[in-house]
N, C-alpha and C. Protein backbone atom coordinates (compact mmCIF):
# COMPACT_ATOMS: atom_id res chain seq x y z
N MET A 1 73.66 -12.64 -37.77
CA MET A 1 72.99 -11.53 -38.42
C MET A 1 72.22 -12.07 -39.62
N GLU A 2 70.97 -11.69 -39.71
CA GLU A 2 70.12 -12.13 -40.82
C GLU A 2 70.41 -11.27 -42.05
N ILE A 3 70.56 -11.94 -43.18
CA ILE A 3 70.81 -11.24 -44.44
C ILE A 3 69.46 -11.00 -45.12
N LYS A 4 69.16 -9.73 -45.37
CA LYS A 4 67.92 -9.38 -46.07
C LYS A 4 68.10 -9.55 -47.57
N GLU A 5 67.03 -9.91 -48.24
CA GLU A 5 67.06 -9.93 -49.70
C GLU A 5 67.01 -8.50 -50.19
N ALA A 6 67.83 -8.20 -51.18
CA ALA A 6 67.88 -6.84 -51.71
C ALA A 6 66.56 -6.45 -52.36
N LYS A 7 66.11 -5.25 -52.05
CA LYS A 7 64.86 -4.73 -52.58
C LYS A 7 65.04 -4.26 -54.03
N PHE A 8 66.25 -3.77 -54.35
CA PHE A 8 66.54 -3.25 -55.68
C PHE A 8 67.54 -4.16 -56.38
N GLN A 9 67.61 -4.04 -57.71
CA GLN A 9 68.50 -4.88 -58.51
C GLN A 9 69.41 -4.02 -59.38
N ILE A 10 70.46 -4.65 -59.89
CA ILE A 10 71.35 -3.97 -60.82
C ILE A 10 70.52 -3.51 -62.02
N GLY A 11 70.69 -2.25 -62.39
CA GLY A 11 69.94 -1.67 -63.50
C GLY A 11 68.77 -0.82 -63.06
N ASP A 12 68.35 -0.95 -61.79
CA ASP A 12 67.24 -0.14 -61.29
C ASP A 12 67.66 1.32 -61.15
N VAL A 13 66.75 2.22 -61.49
CA VAL A 13 66.97 3.65 -61.31
C VAL A 13 66.32 4.04 -59.98
N VAL A 14 67.11 4.67 -59.12
CA VAL A 14 66.66 5.02 -57.77
C VAL A 14 67.01 6.47 -57.46
N ARG A 15 66.39 6.97 -56.39
CA ARG A 15 66.74 8.30 -55.90
C ARG A 15 66.93 8.20 -54.39
N HIS A 16 67.71 9.13 -53.85
CA HIS A 16 67.97 9.15 -52.41
C HIS A 16 66.76 9.73 -51.69
N ARG A 17 66.46 9.15 -50.55
CA ARG A 17 65.30 9.56 -49.76
C ARG A 17 65.48 10.95 -49.14
N LEU A 18 66.72 11.32 -48.79
CA LEU A 18 66.98 12.58 -48.09
C LEU A 18 67.69 13.63 -48.94
N TYR A 19 68.56 13.19 -49.83
CA TYR A 19 69.41 14.12 -50.57
C TYR A 19 69.03 14.14 -52.05
N PRO A 20 69.26 15.29 -52.72
CA PRO A 20 68.79 15.46 -54.11
C PRO A 20 69.71 14.82 -55.14
N PHE A 21 69.78 13.49 -55.15
CA PHE A 21 70.50 12.81 -56.23
C PHE A 21 69.79 11.52 -56.59
N ARG A 22 70.09 11.06 -57.80
CA ARG A 22 69.52 9.82 -58.31
C ARG A 22 70.60 9.05 -59.03
N GLY A 23 70.33 7.81 -59.37
CA GLY A 23 71.34 7.03 -60.07
C GLY A 23 70.84 5.67 -60.48
N VAL A 24 71.74 4.92 -61.13
CA VAL A 24 71.43 3.55 -61.54
C VAL A 24 72.35 2.62 -60.75
N ILE A 25 71.78 1.53 -60.25
CA ILE A 25 72.54 0.57 -59.45
C ILE A 25 73.42 -0.28 -60.36
N PHE A 26 74.73 -0.38 -59.99
CA PHE A 26 75.61 -1.24 -60.77
C PHE A 26 76.23 -2.36 -59.94
N ASP A 27 76.01 -2.36 -58.63
CA ASP A 27 76.48 -3.45 -57.78
C ASP A 27 75.72 -3.39 -56.46
N VAL A 28 75.65 -4.56 -55.78
CA VAL A 28 74.92 -4.65 -54.51
C VAL A 28 75.77 -5.44 -53.52
N ASP A 29 75.90 -4.92 -52.30
CA ASP A 29 76.52 -5.65 -51.19
C ASP A 29 75.39 -6.09 -50.26
N PRO A 30 75.33 -7.38 -49.86
CA PRO A 30 74.23 -7.83 -49.00
C PRO A 30 74.20 -7.13 -47.64
N VAL A 31 75.35 -6.71 -47.16
CA VAL A 31 75.46 -5.92 -45.93
C VAL A 31 76.57 -4.89 -46.16
N PHE A 32 76.72 -3.95 -45.26
CA PHE A 32 77.73 -2.90 -45.36
C PHE A 32 79.10 -3.49 -45.63
N ALA A 33 79.80 -2.97 -46.66
CA ALA A 33 81.12 -3.49 -47.01
C ALA A 33 82.08 -2.35 -47.38
N ASN A 34 81.94 -1.25 -46.69
CA ASN A 34 82.84 -0.13 -46.91
C ASN A 34 83.70 0.01 -45.64
N THR A 35 84.49 1.06 -45.54
CA THR A 35 85.38 1.22 -44.39
C THR A 35 84.63 1.77 -43.19
N GLU A 36 85.15 1.49 -42.02
CA GLU A 36 84.59 2.05 -40.78
C GLU A 36 84.70 3.57 -40.80
N GLU A 37 85.79 4.07 -41.35
CA GLU A 37 86.00 5.51 -41.46
C GLU A 37 84.88 6.15 -42.29
N TRP A 38 84.53 5.51 -43.41
CA TRP A 38 83.45 6.03 -44.26
C TRP A 38 82.14 6.06 -43.47
N TRP A 39 81.83 4.97 -42.78
CA TRP A 39 80.58 4.86 -42.03
C TRP A 39 80.51 5.93 -40.93
N LEU A 40 81.61 6.11 -40.21
CA LEU A 40 81.65 7.09 -39.13
C LEU A 40 81.60 8.54 -39.64
N SER A 41 81.92 8.74 -40.92
CA SER A 41 81.87 10.10 -41.48
C SER A 41 80.43 10.56 -41.72
N ILE A 42 79.48 9.65 -41.68
CA ILE A 42 78.07 10.00 -41.86
C ILE A 42 77.55 10.56 -40.54
N PRO A 43 76.87 11.69 -40.56
CA PRO A 43 76.33 12.24 -39.31
C PRO A 43 75.47 11.19 -38.59
N GLU A 44 75.69 11.07 -37.28
CA GLU A 44 75.06 10.00 -36.51
C GLU A 44 73.54 9.98 -36.64
N HIS A 45 72.90 11.14 -36.72
CA HIS A 45 71.44 11.17 -36.79
C HIS A 45 70.88 10.63 -38.10
N VAL A 46 71.72 10.48 -39.13
CA VAL A 46 71.27 9.89 -40.39
C VAL A 46 72.08 8.64 -40.77
N ARG A 47 72.95 8.19 -39.88
CA ARG A 47 73.81 7.04 -40.17
C ARG A 47 72.96 5.77 -40.29
N PRO A 48 73.09 5.04 -41.41
CA PRO A 48 72.26 3.85 -41.60
C PRO A 48 72.79 2.64 -40.83
N ARG A 49 71.91 1.68 -40.64
CA ARG A 49 72.31 0.40 -40.05
C ARG A 49 73.22 -0.33 -41.05
N LYS A 50 74.11 -1.17 -40.53
CA LYS A 50 75.03 -1.92 -41.40
C LYS A 50 74.42 -3.23 -41.89
N ASP A 51 73.36 -3.70 -41.22
CA ASP A 51 72.80 -5.02 -41.52
C ASP A 51 71.70 -4.97 -42.58
N GLN A 52 71.97 -4.30 -43.68
CA GLN A 52 71.01 -4.17 -44.78
C GLN A 52 71.81 -4.08 -46.07
N PRO A 53 71.15 -4.33 -47.20
CA PRO A 53 71.88 -4.17 -48.46
C PRO A 53 72.36 -2.74 -48.67
N PHE A 54 73.53 -2.62 -49.28
CA PHE A 54 74.09 -1.33 -49.69
C PHE A 54 74.33 -1.40 -51.19
N TYR A 55 74.07 -0.29 -51.87
CA TYR A 55 74.09 -0.24 -53.32
C TYR A 55 75.15 0.72 -53.84
N HIS A 56 75.83 0.29 -54.91
CA HIS A 56 76.79 1.14 -55.62
C HIS A 56 76.01 1.76 -56.78
N LEU A 57 76.04 3.09 -56.85
CA LEU A 57 75.27 3.80 -57.88
C LEU A 57 76.17 4.64 -58.78
N LEU A 58 75.83 4.67 -60.06
CA LEU A 58 76.33 5.71 -60.94
C LEU A 58 75.36 6.85 -60.69
N ALA A 59 75.78 7.82 -59.92
CA ALA A 59 74.88 8.84 -59.39
C ALA A 59 75.08 10.19 -60.06
N GLU A 60 74.04 11.03 -59.94
CA GLU A 60 74.12 12.38 -60.47
C GLU A 60 73.22 13.30 -59.66
N ASN A 61 73.64 14.55 -59.59
CA ASN A 61 72.78 15.60 -59.05
C ASN A 61 72.83 16.76 -60.04
N ALA A 62 72.35 17.91 -59.67
CA ALA A 62 72.30 19.04 -60.61
C ALA A 62 73.70 19.53 -61.01
N GLU A 63 74.71 19.24 -60.18
CA GLU A 63 76.05 19.77 -60.43
C GLU A 63 77.06 18.77 -60.97
N ALA A 64 76.90 17.47 -60.67
CA ALA A 64 77.98 16.53 -60.97
C ALA A 64 77.48 15.09 -61.12
N THR A 65 78.36 14.26 -61.68
CA THR A 65 78.14 12.82 -61.68
C THR A 65 79.23 12.19 -60.83
N TYR A 66 78.93 11.10 -60.15
CA TYR A 66 79.87 10.48 -59.23
C TYR A 66 79.40 9.08 -58.89
N ILE A 67 80.22 8.35 -58.13
CA ILE A 67 79.85 7.03 -57.62
C ILE A 67 79.35 7.22 -56.19
N ALA A 68 78.20 6.64 -55.87
CA ALA A 68 77.65 6.74 -54.52
C ALA A 68 77.49 5.34 -53.93
N TYR A 69 77.55 5.25 -52.62
CA TYR A 69 77.35 4.00 -51.88
C TYR A 69 76.24 4.29 -50.88
N VAL A 70 75.07 3.65 -51.07
CA VAL A 70 73.88 4.06 -50.34
C VAL A 70 73.17 2.85 -49.74
N SER A 71 72.71 3.02 -48.50
CA SER A 71 71.96 1.96 -47.82
C SER A 71 70.56 1.83 -48.41
N GLU A 72 70.01 0.62 -48.32
CA GLU A 72 68.67 0.38 -48.84
C GLU A 72 67.63 1.31 -48.20
N GLN A 73 67.76 1.57 -46.89
CA GLN A 73 66.77 2.39 -46.20
C GLN A 73 66.70 3.81 -46.76
N ASN A 74 67.75 4.25 -47.46
CA ASN A 74 67.78 5.61 -47.99
C ASN A 74 67.48 5.71 -49.48
N LEU A 75 67.02 4.61 -50.10
CA LEU A 75 66.71 4.65 -51.52
C LEU A 75 65.22 4.45 -51.78
N LEU A 76 64.75 5.12 -52.81
CA LEU A 76 63.38 4.98 -53.29
C LEU A 76 63.44 4.76 -54.80
N PRO A 77 62.45 4.09 -55.36
CA PRO A 77 62.44 3.96 -56.83
C PRO A 77 62.31 5.34 -57.47
N ASP A 78 62.99 5.53 -58.60
CA ASP A 78 62.85 6.78 -59.35
C ASP A 78 61.98 6.48 -60.55
N ASP A 79 60.78 7.00 -60.54
CA ASP A 79 59.82 6.72 -61.61
C ASP A 79 59.73 7.86 -62.62
N SER A 80 60.72 8.74 -62.64
CA SER A 80 60.66 9.91 -63.52
C SER A 80 60.77 9.52 -64.99
N GLY A 81 61.43 8.38 -65.27
CA GLY A 81 61.64 7.97 -66.66
C GLY A 81 62.79 8.69 -67.33
N ALA A 82 63.39 9.66 -66.64
CA ALA A 82 64.52 10.42 -67.22
C ALA A 82 65.77 9.55 -67.21
N PRO A 83 66.57 9.61 -68.29
CA PRO A 83 67.80 8.82 -68.32
C PRO A 83 68.84 9.33 -67.33
N ILE A 84 69.74 8.45 -66.94
CA ILE A 84 70.88 8.83 -66.10
C ILE A 84 71.98 9.29 -67.04
N THR A 85 72.57 10.45 -66.77
CA THR A 85 73.57 11.02 -67.68
C THR A 85 75.01 10.73 -67.28
N HIS A 86 75.21 9.92 -66.25
CA HIS A 86 76.58 9.58 -65.81
C HIS A 86 77.34 8.98 -67.00
N PRO A 87 78.58 9.42 -67.24
CA PRO A 87 79.32 8.95 -68.42
C PRO A 87 79.59 7.44 -68.43
N GLN A 88 79.63 6.77 -67.30
CA GLN A 88 79.91 5.33 -67.28
C GLN A 88 78.68 4.46 -67.58
N VAL A 89 77.51 5.07 -67.67
CA VAL A 89 76.30 4.29 -67.97
C VAL A 89 76.48 3.53 -69.28
N GLN A 90 77.03 4.19 -70.30
CA GLN A 90 77.21 3.55 -71.60
C GLN A 90 78.19 2.39 -71.54
N GLU A 91 79.16 2.43 -70.61
CA GLU A 91 80.13 1.35 -70.48
C GLU A 91 79.50 0.11 -69.84
N MET A 92 78.59 0.30 -68.90
CA MET A 92 78.05 -0.81 -68.12
C MET A 92 76.71 -1.34 -68.62
N PHE A 93 75.95 -0.47 -69.30
CA PHE A 93 74.60 -0.83 -69.69
C PHE A 93 74.39 -0.60 -71.18
N SER A 94 73.56 -1.45 -71.79
CA SER A 94 73.33 -1.33 -73.24
C SER A 94 72.14 -0.43 -73.57
N GLY A 95 71.32 -0.11 -72.58
CA GLY A 95 70.19 0.76 -72.84
C GLY A 95 69.17 0.69 -71.74
N LEU A 96 68.10 1.44 -71.92
CA LEU A 96 67.02 1.53 -70.94
C LEU A 96 65.81 0.82 -71.52
N GLU A 97 65.29 -0.17 -70.80
CA GLU A 97 64.11 -0.91 -71.25
C GLU A 97 63.11 -0.99 -70.12
N MET A 98 61.91 -0.46 -70.37
CA MET A 98 60.83 -0.50 -69.39
C MET A 98 61.26 0.05 -68.02
N GLY A 99 62.02 1.16 -68.04
CA GLY A 99 62.41 1.83 -66.82
C GLY A 99 63.63 1.27 -66.11
N ARG A 100 64.27 0.23 -66.66
CA ARG A 100 65.48 -0.36 -66.05
C ARG A 100 66.59 -0.39 -67.08
N TYR A 101 67.80 -0.22 -66.61
CA TYR A 101 68.96 -0.34 -67.49
C TYR A 101 69.31 -1.82 -67.66
N VAL A 102 69.67 -2.17 -68.90
CA VAL A 102 70.04 -3.55 -69.22
C VAL A 102 71.55 -3.66 -69.16
N VAL A 103 72.05 -4.62 -68.39
CA VAL A 103 73.50 -4.82 -68.24
C VAL A 103 74.08 -5.19 -69.59
N ARG A 104 75.17 -4.52 -69.94
CA ARG A 104 75.86 -4.79 -71.20
C ARG A 104 76.53 -6.16 -71.13
N ARG A 105 76.26 -6.99 -72.10
CA ARG A 105 76.90 -8.29 -72.18
C ARG A 105 78.20 -8.14 -72.95
N GLU A 106 79.27 -8.66 -72.38
CA GLU A 106 80.56 -8.59 -73.06
C GLU A 106 80.55 -9.52 -74.27
N THR A 107 81.10 -9.06 -75.37
CA THR A 107 81.21 -9.92 -76.55
C THR A 107 82.67 -10.29 -76.71
N HIS A 108 82.91 -11.58 -76.88
CA HIS A 108 84.28 -12.09 -77.04
C HIS A 108 84.38 -12.72 -78.42
N ASN A 109 85.39 -12.35 -79.17
CA ASN A 109 85.57 -12.90 -80.52
C ASN A 109 86.52 -14.07 -80.48
């Protein structure tokens, strides 16, 4: 199986192609790395291929914030410039610069 290079990077703000949510990427799997049960729970007509990058998002919609796991084929760049309000953004990122979140560097004394 050929491994594709990820189109998006940690800190990128993205939105889902089909569903009304957006988020910031905090981790990337080069190929599907969730459970078979999770994959089979997706309706077959929209079920993504496993041989593509999958992204972990601090996600939000109009009602809630949550963690999402989304295939590359279902993500688009979010150019709205609006900040992500997920409460964990402040834990993982130090701020927003030029449309991307900057990963927080741990300081050790």
